[in-house]
Amino acid sequence: MTQRLTTRFWVDAYLTRLRLQDIPAFVTAHGDDTAGAVLVKLATLDGAARAFSRSFDLMTGARTWSELCAGPESEVDASISRQRSFDPDLWVIEVEDRAGRHLLDDPSLG
């Protein structure tokens, strides 16, 4: 049986990784500690943003991050609000980086 990390543990580890790279990040919505889904909003501080969600590939068992939406920050915020209305257990982490770094492409964050 494969042991899954709790969402809270993953979020704490992700925030630590970002902090070690001097990338500001904040939890803007605290979801379920055990099994809540996570959305990551990347704000590039120029009025634009992207939101990423984690999906599960049933064929390979891999977890991957895919872009949920991108565009003006207000539109991305509206999309995230809609997602939160469907899922009150959803975590939202906002990453602020002019260079667009989010570290989600790091395989150890799967």
Protein backbone atom coordinates (compact mmCIF):
# COMPACT_ATOMS: atom_id res chain seq x y z
CA MET A 1 0.00 0.00 0.00
CA THR A 2 1.36 3.42 -0.99
CA GLN A 3 1.33 6.05 1.73
CA ARG A 4 0.21 9.48 0.55
CA LEU A 5 1.42 12.67 2.12
CA THR A 6 -1.21 14.88 3.67
CA THR A 7 -1.98 18.04 1.78
CA ARG A 8 -0.81 20.15 4.70
CA PHE A 9 2.58 18.41 4.69
CA TRP A 10 2.94 18.94 0.92
CA VAL A 11 1.96 22.62 1.19
CA ASP A 12 4.46 23.22 4.01
CA ALA A 13 7.24 21.52 2.02
CA TYR A 14 6.38 23.51 -1.13
CA LEU A 15 6.39 26.82 0.75
CA THR A 16 9.76 25.92 2.26
CA ARG A 17 11.21 25.13 -1.18
CA LEU A 18 9.97 28.47 -2.51
CA ARG A 19 11.36 30.34 0.50
CA LEU A 20 14.77 28.71 -0.01
CA GLN A 21 14.77 30.13 -3.56
CA ASP A 22 13.67 33.59 -2.30
CA ILE A 23 10.32 33.26 -4.08
CA PRO A 24 7.51 34.87 -2.06
CA ALA A 25 4.43 32.68 -1.59
CA PHE A 26 1.33 32.82 0.58
CA VAL A 27 -1.56 30.53 1.43
CA THR A 28 -4.60 32.53 0.37
CA ALA A 29 -7.12 29.74 1.02
CA HIS A 30 -6.58 27.01 3.59
CA GLY A 31 -8.24 23.80 2.49
CA ASP A 32 -8.60 20.40 4.10
CA ASP A 33 -5.36 19.45 5.87
CA THR A 34 -5.58 15.78 4.96
CA ALA A 35 -6.88 15.49 1.43
CA GLY A 36 -7.67 18.93 -0.01
CA ALA A 37 -6.76 19.67 -3.61
CA VAL A 38 -4.23 22.44 -4.31
CA LEU A 39 -4.26 25.29 -6.82
CA VAL A 40 -1.14 27.38 -7.32
CA LYS A 41 -1.54 30.91 -8.63
CA LEU A 42 1.56 32.47 -10.14
CA ALA A 43 1.43 36.28 -10.21
CA THR A 44 4.22 37.83 -12.26
CA LEU A 45 3.53 41.28 -10.76
CA ASP A 46 2.78 42.84 -14.14
CA GLY A 47 -1.00 42.38 -14.04
CA ALA A 48 -0.86 38.85 -15.45
CA ALA A 49 -1.22 35.52 -13.66
CA ARG A 50 -1.51 31.80 -14.25
CA ALA A 51 -3.19 29.13 -12.17
CA PHE A 52 -2.05 25.51 -11.99
CA SER A 53 -3.84 22.44 -10.73
CA ARG A 54 -2.48 19.00 -10.02
CA SER A 55 -3.94 16.07 -11.87
CA PHE A 56 -3.46 12.34 -11.61
CA ASP A 57 -2.64 10.21 -14.64
CA LEU A 58 -4.57 6.95 -14.18
CA MET A 59 -2.42 5.15 -16.75
CA THR A 60 0.97 5.89 -15.17
CA GLY A 61 0.03 6.83 -11.62
CA ALA A 62 1.99 10.07 -12.02
CA ARG A 63 0.87 13.39 -10.65
CA THR A 64 1.38 16.32 -12.99
CA TRP A 65 0.74 20.04 -12.83
CA SER A 66 -1.24 21.58 -15.66
CA GLU A 67 -2.24 25.15 -16.38
CA LEU A 68 -5.84 25.75 -15.37
CA CYS A 69 -6.00 29.29 -16.75
CA ALA A 70 -3.85 32.28 -17.65
CA GLY A 71 -4.45 35.94 -18.39
CA PRO A 72 -5.14 39.15 -16.54
CA GLU A 73 -4.81 38.59 -12.80
CA SER A 74 -8.44 39.60 -12.18
CA GLU A 75 -9.66 36.86 -14.57
CA VAL A 76 -7.42 34.25 -12.96
CA ASP A 77 -8.71 35.31 -9.53
CA ALA A 78 -12.30 34.93 -10.77
CA SER A 79 -11.53 31.43 -12.06
CA ILE A 80 -9.99 30.47 -8.72
CA SER A 81 -13.05 31.84 -6.90
CA ARG A 82 -15.30 29.66 -9.06
CA GLN A 83 -13.16 26.62 -8.25
CA ARG A 84 -13.40 27.42 -4.54
CA SER A 85 -17.19 27.66 -4.79
CA PHE A 86 -17.23 24.05 -6.07
CA ASP A 87 -14.66 22.77 -3.59
CA PRO A 88 -14.49 24.35 -0.12
CA ASP A 89 -11.60 21.99 0.80
CA LEU A 90 -9.40 23.55 -1.90
CA TRP A 91 -6.05 25.10 -0.97
CA VAL A 92 -4.85 28.14 -2.92
CA ILE A 93 -1.21 29.17 -2.82
CA GLU A 94 -0.19 32.45 -4.41
CA VAL A 95 3.38 32.65 -5.70
CA GLU A 96 4.76 36.07 -6.66
CA ASP A 97 7.72 36.06 -9.02
CA ARG A 98 8.51 38.46 -11.86
CA ALA A 99 10.56 35.75 -13.60
CA GLY A 100 7.63 33.31 -13.54
CA ARG A 101 9.28 30.73 -11.28
CA HIS A 102 6.92 28.38 -9.45
CA LEU A 103 9.06 25.21 -9.03
CA LEU A 104 6.12 22.96 -9.98
CA ASP A 105 8.25 21.43 -12.72
CA ASP A 106 10.52 19.93 -10.04
CA PRO A 107 9.75 16.16 -10.14
CA SER A 108 10.18 15.87 -6.38
CA LEU A 109 7.06 18.02 -5.91
CA GLY A 110 4.79 15.52 -7.68
